[in-house]
Amino acid sequence: MFRSILTRRSVLLVTLAGGCASPNGGPSLLPALTPAPSPFVDARPPIPVRARPDGPIQRVSFQTPIALAEPGRAAPVGVDDFVRLAVEGNPRLMRANLAIDAARGRHLQAGLYPNPDVAVNWDEIGDRQDSRGILTVPRVTQTIVTGKKLTLAQAVAAREVDQATLELLTERFAVVASVRAAFVEALALQRRAEILAELVKLAEDAVANGKNLLDAKQLARLDYIQLEVERERFRAELQSVRKELPGAYRRLAAVAGNHAIVPAAIVGSFDELPDYDPDTVREAVLASHPQVRSVKVAVERALAAVRRAEAEPIPNVAVSAGFVRQFENKSYDAAVGVSMPVPMWNRNQGNIRAARAELGMAIQAVGQTENELAARIATAFQTYDSARERAGLYQKELIPRAEETYKLSLAAFKGGQFEYLKVIQAQRAVAEARLEANRSLGEAWRAAAELSGLLLEEWWPERPPAP
């Protein structure tokens, strides 16, 4: 039974890191960014959230993460600790948040009216009647923007704000998925070290027993040497894994966004692997993922850019006025003027053509993005499903049988029915089964971490904590 997927208003999540606000500075949701709200930002399908089969569906909402990187505070040890640390201060998210501010600045700038020109003109200097000539001061010229060009330019810029905000959401869950995957990788390596430590202890006991049997002339020297070789093999592998662990911890800290906070060990479990259904996951991701929403907003942006390009040939009107002092005839006069360009040869044809082509490219990008996401889901689910199936087979069938074989062979050896070589082979089978089960679980959890990021799951793999 797969865990059901429900939906919720995902636009609330786009205000996540630093309180996304409207371009004018006041807090608002994305629809307030433009004169014509984008249906891809306002009325979009909600974000999916998994629910446990043994309880009611829990709705989650984003909360400001608790500060973890305080001076003198212990390093995080759990997956949620590292996720909070990443959301709190990861440079990728800080950068994406600043990109929103930059887009808001461009939105503001696009709607600003042109500044007036102020000029001083002094004509006919050195005239025979009066060498002071004619002085016009000041001469003020103001351009009147026509064709709603400013509104259309702001519509383009507003879609860029939408896209930057959705990019922040994309980056956030990409970081979260990366942190979860790095945590699972480190946890699998840590568990491998624990399993190898147990196997080293068993191998040492086997060597000790073999020494007693060798001294009692009940074990051949060749079999005893094989016991020692097996022990040294486990020791060498354990030493290798222990040398890899600090690097895995450092990588986890770096992925979380603070390479200085390196844990000595992490705490986690591979129990209760999340249960996903491929069709439900694909449908939910393609309906709610911010990358899909962003490319749909890009279509609107391209359409607004076409309209802006088409409005460009409408000529702006320049109105001027000034005060004139004519020294020649001792008079004070006024001057006014109106001018405008005549769009005879340049009617913005090239830019209009380019904008229409970019609109077509944006439309094609929607299908391309959906296909790429579907491919990512298929790849992740292929790894997830096969690794989960393999791990289950080892846990339910192979490990119990290998352990039973080891116990029976050991008992048979003590009864004089087996050579000790078969005991060694049975012991090796137990070791390989446990290590392979751990490796398979690690692969399944890494794939599940990627799926959790695609599904925008805020809490994973547990339920959100009770308020």
Protein backbone atom coordinates (compact mmCIF):
# COMPACT_ATOMS: atom_id res chain seq x y z
CA MET A 1 0.00 0.00 0.00
CA PHE A 2 1.60 3.22 -1.10
CA ARG A 3 1.35 6.38 0.92
CA SER A 4 -1.34 8.65 -0.39
CA ILE A 5 -0.52 12.04 -1.90
CA LEU A 6 -2.60 15.08 -1.12
CA THR A 7 -2.27 18.63 -2.31
CA ARG A 8 -2.20 22.04 -0.71
CA ARG A 9 -1.80 25.68 -1.74
CA SER A 10 1.84 25.68 -2.77
CA VAL A 11 2.11 29.39 -3.48
CA LEU A 12 2.53 29.95 0.26
CA LEU A 13 5.89 28.20 0.07
CA VAL A 14 7.35 30.74 -2.33
CA THR A 15 7.63 33.22 0.53
CA LEU A 16 10.07 30.92 2.30
CA ALA A 17 13.53 32.45 2.71
CA GLY A 18 13.46 36.06 3.75
CA GLY A 19 9.76 36.73 3.26
CA CYS A 20 9.16 37.22 -0.44
CA ALA A 21 7.22 40.44 -0.91
CA SER A 22 5.67 42.36 -3.73
CA PRO A 23 7.93 44.50 -5.96
CA ASN A 24 6.67 47.57 -4.14
CA GLY A 25 7.99 46.28 -0.82
CA GLY A 26 4.79 45.19 0.92
CA PRO A 27 4.20 41.55 1.80
CA SER A 28 1.97 39.78 -0.69
CA LEU A 29 1.61 36.61 -2.72
CA LEU A 30 2.73 36.41 -6.32
CA PRO A 31 -0.55 37.44 -7.99
CA ALA A 32 -0.10 40.96 -6.61
CA LEU A 33 3.09 41.40 -8.61
CA THR A 34 1.40 42.20 -11.93
CA PRO A 35 -1.64 44.07 -13.16
CA ALA A 36 -2.91 40.81 -14.69
CA PRO A 37 -2.26 37.91 -12.25
CA SER A 38 -0.59 34.89 -13.77
CA PRO A 39 -2.69 31.71 -13.62
CA PHE A 40 0.53 29.73 -13.38
CA VAL A 41 1.39 31.48 -10.12
CA ASP A 42 -2.01 32.05 -8.56
CA ALA A 43 -4.24 29.09 -9.42
CA ARG A 44 -1.64 26.40 -9.73
CA PRO A 45 -2.06 22.82 -8.51
CA PRO A 46 -0.93 22.35 -4.92
CA ILE A 47 2.20 20.70 -3.59
CA PRO A 48 1.93 16.99 -2.80
CA VAL A 49 2.62 15.74 0.71
CA ARG A 50 2.86 12.09 1.69
CA ALA A 51 0.80 10.70 4.52
CA ARG A 52 1.39 7.66 6.66
CA PRO A 53 -1.05 4.79 6.12
CA ASP A 54 -1.52 4.37 9.89
CA GLY A 55 -2.89 7.82 10.62
CA PRO A 56 -4.76 10.82 9.22
CA ILE A 57 -3.22 13.00 6.57
CA GLN A 58 -1.19 15.81 8.07
CA ARG A 59 -1.14 19.18 6.34
CA VAL A 60 2.14 21.01 6.63
CA SER A 61 3.09 24.64 6.28
CA PHE A 62 6.51 26.22 6.07
CA GLN A 63 7.99 27.50 9.27
CA THR A 64 11.04 29.69 9.69
CA PRO A 65 13.85 27.24 10.50
CA ILE A 66 15.29 27.18 14.00
CA ALA A 67 18.79 28.58 14.18
CA LEU A 68 21.35 25.83 14.55
CA ALA A 69 24.67 27.41 13.70
CA GLU A 70 25.04 29.32 16.95
CA PRO A 71 28.54 29.77 18.35
CA GLY A 72 29.48 26.93 20.64
CA ARG A 73 26.46 24.86 19.72
CA ALA A 74 26.92 21.14 19.08
CA ALA A 75 27.02 19.95 15.48
CA PRO A 76 23.76 18.61 14.04
CA VAL A 77 23.33 14.85 14.08
CA GLY A 78 19.93 14.10 12.47
CA VAL A 79 18.69 14.57 8.93
CA ASP A 80 16.19 17.26 9.98
CA ASP A 81 18.98 19.13 11.77
CA PHE A 82 21.05 19.29 8.60
CA VAL A 83 18.01 20.30 6.52
CA ARG A 84 17.26 23.19 8.88
CA LEU A 85 20.89 24.23 8.77
CA ALA A 86 20.81 24.19 4.97
CA VAL A 87 17.59 26.17 4.71
CA GLU A 88 18.88 28.68 7.23
CA GLY A 89 22.13 29.70 5.62
CA ASN A 90 23.02 27.82 2.46
CA PRO A 91 24.71 30.20 0.00
CA ARG A 92 22.67 28.75 -2.89
CA LEU A 93 19.47 29.90 -1.21
CA MET A 94 20.93 33.25 -0.23
CA ARG A 95 21.91 33.78 -3.85
CA ALA A 96 18.45 32.83 -5.10
CA ASN A 97 16.88 35.18 -2.56
CA LEU A 98 19.06 38.04 -3.80
CA ALA A 99 17.99 37.22 -7.35
CA ILE A 100 14.41 37.96 -6.28
CA ASP A 101 15.51 41.36 -4.97
CA ALA A 102 17.27 42.03 -8.28
CA ALA A 103 14.13 41.08 -10.22
CA ARG A 104 12.05 43.37 -8.01
CA GLY A 105 14.46 46.18 -8.74
CA ARG A 106 14.07 45.61 -12.49
CA HIS A 107 10.28 45.54 -12.05
CA LEU A 108 10.41 48.89 -10.27
CA GLN A 109 12.74 50.41 -12.85
CA ALA A 110 10.61 49.26 -15.78
CA GLY A 111 7.67 51.35 -14.60
CA LEU A 112 9.53 54.58 -13.91
CA TYR A 113 8.69 57.54 -16.10
CA PRO A 114 11.50 59.19 -18.14
CA ASN A 115 13.17 62.15 -16.50
CA PRO A 116 12.65 65.61 -18.02
CA ASP A 117 15.51 67.27 -19.90
CA VAL A 118 16.50 70.77 -18.77
CA ALA A 119 18.58 72.87 -21.17
CA VAL A 120 19.87 76.43 -21.52
CA ASN A 121 20.11 77.80 -25.09
CA TRP A 122 21.97 80.99 -25.98
CA ASP A 123 21.57 81.94 -29.63
CA GLU A 124 22.77 84.80 -31.86
CA ILE A 125 25.64 85.72 -29.61
CA GLY A 126 27.50 88.75 -31.07
CA ASP A 127 24.53 90.01 -33.08
CA ARG A 128 24.98 93.58 -34.40
CA GLN A 129 21.90 94.86 -32.63
CA ASP A 130 22.87 93.35 -29.29
CA SER A 131 25.82 91.05 -28.84
CA ARG A 132 24.07 89.23 -25.98
CA GLY A 133 21.71 87.59 -28.51
CA ILE A 134 18.75 85.46 -27.41
CA LEU A 135 18.76 83.51 -24.14
CA THR A 136 16.32 80.65 -23.48
CA VAL A 137 16.45 79.54 -19.88
CA PRO A 138 15.36 77.07 -18.84
CA ARG A 139 14.10 74.92 -21.67
CA VAL A 140 12.32 71.86 -20.24
CA THR A 141 11.52 68.84 -22.40
CA GLN A 142 9.38 65.96 -21.15
CA THR A 143 8.81 62.74 -23.08
CA ILE A 144 5.24 61.42 -22.92
CA VAL A 145 5.32 57.61 -23.14
CA THR A 146 2.50 56.29 -25.30
CA GLY A 147 1.11 52.88 -26.12
CA LYS A 148 1.18 51.72 -22.46
CA LYS A 149 4.84 50.86 -22.91
CA LEU A 150 5.66 51.24 -19.21
CA THR A 151 2.80 48.97 -18.17
CA LEU A 152 3.82 46.37 -20.74
CA ALA A 153 7.48 46.58 -19.65
CA GLN A 154 6.43 46.10 -16.04
CA ALA A 155 4.37 43.06 -17.02
CA VAL A 156 7.52 41.49 -18.48
CA ALA A 157 9.54 42.36 -15.38
CA ALA A 158 6.80 41.09 -13.06
CA ARG A 159 6.96 37.67 -14.70
CA GLU A 160 10.70 37.72 -14.03
CA VAL A 161 9.95 38.29 -10.35
CA ASP A 162 7.62 35.30 -10.46
CA GLN A 163 10.29 33.18 -12.09
CA ALA A 164 12.95 34.26 -9.59
CA THR A 165 10.62 33.38 -6.73
CA LEU A 166 9.91 29.96 -8.22
CA GLU A 167 13.64 29.49 -8.76
CA LEU A 168 14.14 30.06 -5.04
CA LEU A 169 11.61 27.33 -4.34
CA THR A 170 13.37 25.03 -6.82
CA GLU A 171 16.75 25.73 -5.25
CA ARG A 172 15.40 25.18 -1.76
CA PHE A 173 14.14 21.68 -2.40
CA ALA A 174 17.16 20.83 -4.56
CA VAL A 175 19.33 21.71 -1.57
CA VAL A 176 17.05 19.76 0.77
CA ALA A 177 17.20 16.67 -1.47
CA SER A 178 21.00 16.96 -1.75
CA VAL A 179 21.34 17.20 2.02
CA ARG A 180 19.12 14.18 2.54
CA ALA A 181 21.04 12.16 -0.05
CA ALA A 182 24.40 13.12 1.52
CA PHE A 183 23.06 12.22 4.95
CA VAL A 184 21.87 8.82 3.74
CA GLU A 185 25.23 8.19 2.08
CA ALA A 186 27.09 9.01 5.31
CA LEU A 187 24.64 6.94 7.36
CA ALA A 188 25.07 3.91 5.07
CA LEU A 189 28.86 4.21 5.42
CA GLN A 190 28.54 4.56 9.19
CA ARG A 191 26.33 1.47 9.35
CA ARG A 192 28.79 -0.42 7.17
CA ALA A 193 31.49 0.38 9.70
CA GLU A 194 29.26 -0.92 12.50
CA ILE A 195 28.55 -4.15 10.61
CA LEU A 196 32.24 -4.65 9.85
CA ALA A 197 33.12 -4.05 13.50
CA GLU A 198 30.73 -6.84 14.46
CA LEU A 199 32.21 -9.10 11.78
CA VAL A 200 35.72 -8.36 13.03
CA LYS A 201 34.62 -9.40 16.51
CA LEU A 202 33.15 -12.64 15.14
CA ALA A 203 36.29 -13.29 13.12
CA GLU A 204 38.47 -12.69 16.18
CA ASP A 205 36.37 -15.16 18.17
CA ALA A 206 36.67 -17.65 15.32
CA VAL A 207 40.46 -17.25 15.31
CA ALA A 208 40.60 -17.74 19.07
CA ASN A 209 38.47 -20.89 18.83
CA GLY A 210 40.56 -22.07 15.90
CA LYS A 211 43.74 -21.61 17.93
CA ASN A 212 42.32 -23.84 20.66
CA LEU A 213 41.32 -26.43 18.06
CA LEU A 214 44.73 -26.19 16.42
CA ASP A 215 46.47 -26.74 19.74
CA ALA A 216 44.19 -29.73 20.38
CA LYS A 217 45.08 -31.16 16.96
CA GLN A 218 41.43 -30.86 15.88
CA LEU A 219 42.03 -28.23 13.16
CA ALA A 220 44.41 -28.26 10.25
CA ARG A 221 47.00 -25.51 10.03
CA LEU A 222 45.66 -24.54 6.60
CA ASP A 223 42.15 -23.96 7.98
CA TYR A 224 43.55 -21.87 10.83
CA ILE A 225 45.47 -19.67 8.39
CA GLN A 226 42.25 -19.12 6.43
CA LEU A 227 40.59 -17.97 9.65
CA GLU A 228 43.37 -15.43 10.17
CA VAL A 229 43.12 -14.27 6.56
CA GLU A 230 39.36 -13.75 6.97
CA ARG A 231 39.91 -11.74 10.15
CA GLU A 232 42.52 -9.54 8.51
CA ARG A 233 40.28 -9.01 5.50
CA PHE A 234 37.49 -7.69 7.74
CA ARG A 235 39.96 -5.56 9.67
CA ALA A 236 41.36 -4.00 6.50
CA GLU A 237 37.90 -3.21 5.18
CA LEU A 238 36.82 -1.75 8.51
CA GLN A 239 39.92 0.45 8.62
CA SER A 240 39.22 1.64 5.07
CA VAL A 241 35.60 2.52 5.89
CA ARG A 242 36.63 4.37 9.06
CA LYS A 243 39.01 6.48 6.99
CA GLU A 244 36.19 7.29 4.56
CA LEU A 245 33.75 8.36 7.27
CA PRO A 246 35.32 11.78 8.12
CA GLY A 247 35.19 12.70 4.44
CA ALA A 248 31.53 11.70 4.26
CA TYR A 249 30.78 13.84 7.33
CA ARG A 250 32.65 16.81 5.86
CA ARG A 251 30.82 16.43 2.56
CA LEU A 252 27.49 16.39 4.41
CA ALA A 253 28.38 19.59 6.26
CA ALA A 254 29.46 21.25 3.00
CA VAL A 255 26.27 20.23 1.19
CA ALA A 256 24.27 21.61 4.11
CA GLY A 257 26.01 24.94 3.53
CA ASN A 258 28.36 25.17 6.52
CA HIS A 259 31.57 23.19 6.04
CA ALA A 260 32.80 24.17 9.52
CA ILE A 261 30.07 22.25 11.36
CA VAL A 262 31.30 18.68 10.96
CA PRO A 263 29.62 16.02 13.13
CA ALA A 264 31.58 13.31 14.91
CA ALA A 265 28.76 10.89 14.09
CA ILE A 266 25.17 11.06 12.83
CA VAL A 267 21.98 9.48 14.09
CA GLY A 268 19.45 7.93 11.75
CA SER A 269 17.58 4.80 10.82
CA PHE A 270 16.95 2.81 7.68
CA ASP A 271 13.68 1.45 9.07
CA GLU A 272 10.31 2.26 7.45
CA LEU A 273 11.50 3.16 3.98
CA PRO A 274 9.04 5.68 2.44
CA ASP A 275 6.57 4.06 0.07
CA TYR A 276 6.02 5.82 -3.27
CA ASP A 277 3.82 5.01 -6.24
CA PRO A 278 5.42 5.99 -9.58
CA ASP A 279 2.25 7.17 -11.33
CA THR A 280 1.11 9.22 -8.35
CA VAL A 281 4.56 10.75 -7.93
CA ARG A 282 4.82 11.67 -11.62
CA GLU A 283 1.34 13.23 -11.67
CA ALA A 284 2.01 15.23 -8.51
CA VAL A 285 5.44 16.47 -9.63
CA LEU A 286 4.30 17.53 -13.10
CA ALA A 287 1.35 19.37 -11.54
CA SER A 288 3.23 21.20 -8.80
CA HIS A 289 6.97 21.33 -9.34
CA PRO A 290 8.28 24.92 -9.50
CA GLN A 291 10.34 24.17 -12.62
CA VAL A 292 7.15 23.34 -14.52
CA ARG A 293 5.44 26.39 -13.10
CA SER A 294 8.44 28.55 -13.96
CA VAL A 295 8.52 27.56 -17.64
CA LYS A 296 4.79 28.24 -17.85
CA VAL A 297 5.37 31.68 -16.38
CA ALA A 298 8.14 32.05 -18.97
CA VAL A 299 5.50 31.61 -21.68
CA GLU A 300 3.55 34.51 -20.17
CA ARG A 301 6.73 36.56 -19.93
CA ALA A 302 7.51 35.91 -23.60
CA LEU A 303 3.95 36.84 -24.57
CA ALA A 304 4.25 40.08 -22.60
CA ALA A 305 7.58 40.74 -24.33
CA VAL A 306 5.90 40.32 -27.74
CA ARG A 307 3.25 42.87 -26.77
CA ARG A 308 5.94 45.25 -25.54
CA ALA A 309 7.87 44.89 -28.81
CA GLU A 310 4.73 45.47 -30.85
CA ALA A 311 4.04 48.67 -28.90
CA GLU A 312 7.52 50.07 -29.52
CA PRO A 313 6.71 51.61 -32.98
CA ILE A 314 4.04 53.81 -31.38
CA PRO A 315 5.96 57.10 -31.18
CA ASN A 316 6.48 58.84 -27.88
CA VAL A 317 5.71 62.55 -27.79
CA ALA A 318 8.26 65.08 -26.53
CA VAL A 319 6.75 68.31 -25.16
CA SER A 320 9.03 71.28 -24.46
CA ALA A 321 8.59 74.75 -22.99
CA GLY A 322 10.95 77.57 -22.08
CA PHE A 323 11.42 81.24 -21.18
CA VAL A 324 13.10 83.40 -23.85
CA ARG A 325 14.94 86.70 -23.26
CA GLN A 326 15.61 88.58 -26.50
CA PHE A 327 18.26 91.19 -25.85
CA GLU A 328 18.00 92.49 -29.41
CA ASN A 329 14.48 93.85 -29.14
CA LYS A 330 14.35 93.96 -25.33
CA SER A 331 11.46 91.48 -25.06
CA TYR A 332 10.51 88.55 -22.83
CA ASP A 333 8.88 85.66 -24.70
CA ALA A 334 7.81 82.03 -24.20
CA ALA A 335 8.64 79.03 -26.36
CA VAL A 336 6.75 75.73 -26.63
CA GLY A 337 7.29 72.75 -28.86
CA VAL A 338 6.05 69.27 -29.63
CA SER A 339 8.07 66.59 -31.42
CA MET A 340 7.81 62.90 -32.17
CA PRO A 341 9.72 60.39 -34.30
CA VAL A 342 8.11 59.16 -37.51
CA PRO A 343 8.29 55.32 -37.75
CA MET A 344 8.99 55.11 -41.47
CA TRP A 345 11.80 52.56 -41.80
CA ASN A 346 12.36 51.28 -38.27
CA ARG A 347 9.13 49.84 -36.95
CA ASN A 348 10.92 47.45 -34.56
CA GLN A 349 10.39 44.59 -37.03
CA GLY A 350 13.51 42.70 -35.97
CA ASN A 351 12.76 42.80 -32.25
CA ILE A 352 9.14 41.78 -32.84
CA ARG A 353 10.29 38.80 -34.86
CA ALA A 354 12.82 37.81 -32.19
CA ALA A 355 10.21 38.16 -29.42
CA ARG A 356 7.78 35.91 -31.30
CA ALA A 357 10.50 33.32 -31.81
CA GLU A 358 11.34 33.44 -28.10
CA LEU A 359 7.65 32.89 -27.34
CA GLY A 360 7.72 29.75 -29.44
CA MET A 361 10.87 28.60 -27.65
CA ALA A 362 9.22 29.20 -24.28
CA ILE A 363 6.20 27.13 -25.31
CA GLN A 364 8.46 24.26 -26.37
CA ALA A 365 10.37 24.50 -23.08
CA VAL A 366 7.24 23.49 -21.16
CA GLY A 367 7.13 20.07 -22.78
CA GLN A 368 10.90 19.71 -22.54
CA THR A 369 10.88 20.45 -18.80
CA GLU A 370 8.03 18.03 -18.17
CA ASN A 371 9.86 15.30 -20.08
CA GLU A 372 13.09 15.93 -18.17
CA LEU A 373 11.29 15.78 -14.82
CA ALA A 374 9.49 12.60 -15.87
CA ALA A 375 12.86 11.09 -16.82
CA ARG A 376 14.33 12.04 -13.43
CA ILE A 377 11.37 10.48 -11.67
CA ALA A 378 11.67 7.30 -13.74
CA THR A 379 15.40 7.00 -13.06
CA ALA A 380 15.03 7.67 -9.32
CA PHE A 381 12.11 5.28 -9.02
CA GLN A 382 13.94 2.58 -10.96
CA THR A 383 16.81 2.75 -8.47
CA TYR A 384 14.45 3.11 -5.52
CA ASP A 385 12.21 0.17 -6.44
CA SER A 386 14.98 -2.26 -7.38
CA ALA A 387 17.13 -1.41 -4.34
CA ARG A 388 14.14 -1.65 -2.00
CA GLU A 389 13.19 -5.03 -3.46
CA ARG A 390 16.76 -6.28 -3.18
CA ALA A 391 17.15 -5.05 0.39
CA GLY A 392 13.85 -6.69 1.36
CA LEU A 393 14.97 -9.96 -0.15
CA TYR A 394 18.21 -9.88 1.84
CA GLN A 395 16.49 -8.92 5.08
CA LYS A 396 13.62 -11.41 4.85
CA GLU A 397 15.23 -14.34 3.07
CA LEU A 398 18.97 -14.34 2.54
CA ILE A 399 20.28 -13.02 5.87
CA PRO A 400 18.11 -15.35 8.02
CA ARG A 401 19.08 -18.33 5.87
CA ALA A 402 22.76 -17.40 5.89
CA GLU A 403 22.69 -17.03 9.68
CA GLU A 404 20.89 -20.33 10.06
CA THR A 405 23.43 -22.00 7.77
CA TYR A 406 26.25 -20.58 9.85
CA LYS A 407 24.76 -21.86 13.10
CA LEU A 408 24.07 -25.31 11.66
CA SER A 409 27.54 -25.61 10.13
CA LEU A 410 29.15 -24.51 13.40
CA ALA A 411 27.10 -27.04 15.33
CA ALA A 412 27.91 -29.72 12.77
CA PHE A 413 31.60 -28.93 13.03
CA LYS A 414 31.49 -29.22 16.81
CA GLY A 415 29.82 -32.58 16.33
CA GLY A 416 32.59 -33.69 14.04
CA GLN A 417 30.48 -33.76 10.88
CA PHE A 418 31.94 -30.75 8.98
CA GLU A 419 35.32 -29.33 8.15
CA TYR A 420 35.92 -25.93 9.62
CA LEU A 421 36.33 -24.55 6.09
CA LYS A 422 32.57 -24.80 5.62
CA VAL A 423 32.06 -22.85 8.82
CA ILE A 424 34.28 -20.13 7.35
CA GLN A 425 32.28 -20.12 4.12
CA ALA A 426 29.02 -19.84 6.04
CA GLN A 427 30.43 -16.98 8.11
CA ARG A 428 31.52 -15.18 4.95
CA ALA A 429 28.03 -15.62 3.45
CA VAL A 430 26.48 -13.95 6.51
CA ALA A 431 28.92 -11.04 6.24
CA GLU A 432 28.33 -10.51 2.54
CA ALA A 433 24.54 -10.70 2.96
CA ARG A 434 24.51 -8.08 5.72
CA LEU A 435 26.83 -5.74 3.86
CA GLU A 436 24.85 -6.10 0.63
CA ALA A 437 21.57 -5.44 2.45
CA ASN A 438 23.05 -2.26 3.92
CA ARG A 439 24.29 -1.15 0.48
CA SER A 440 20.87 -1.78 -1.08
CA LEU A 441 19.12 0.13 1.69
CA GLY A 442 21.48 3.04 1.16
CA GLU A 443 20.68 3.13 -2.56
CA ALA A 444 16.94 2.94 -1.90
CA TRP A 445 17.08 5.76 0.64
CA ARG A 446 19.16 7.96 -1.66
CA ALA A 447 16.60 7.51 -4.43
CA ALA A 448 13.81 8.21 -1.94
CA ALA A 449 15.62 11.41 -0.93
CA GLU A 450 15.60 12.57 -4.56
CA LEU A 451 11.91 11.74 -4.88
CA SER A 452 11.20 13.69 -1.69
CA GLY A 453 12.86 16.74 -3.22
CA LEU A 454 10.86 16.42 -6.43
CA LEU A 455 7.67 16.11 -4.36
CA LEU A 456 8.65 19.20 -2.32
CA GLU A 457 8.20 17.27 0.91
CA GLU A 458 8.88 19.53 3.86
CA TRP A 459 9.20 16.73 6.42
CA TRP A 460 10.92 13.50 5.50
CA PRO A 461 10.69 10.65 6.24
CA GLU A 462 8.73 11.36 9.45
CA ARG A 463 5.53 13.31 9.95
CA PRO A 464 5.77 16.98 10.84
CA PRO A 465 6.11 17.48 14.60
CA ALA A 466 2.95 18.23 16.52
CA PRO A 467 2.45 21.95 17.21
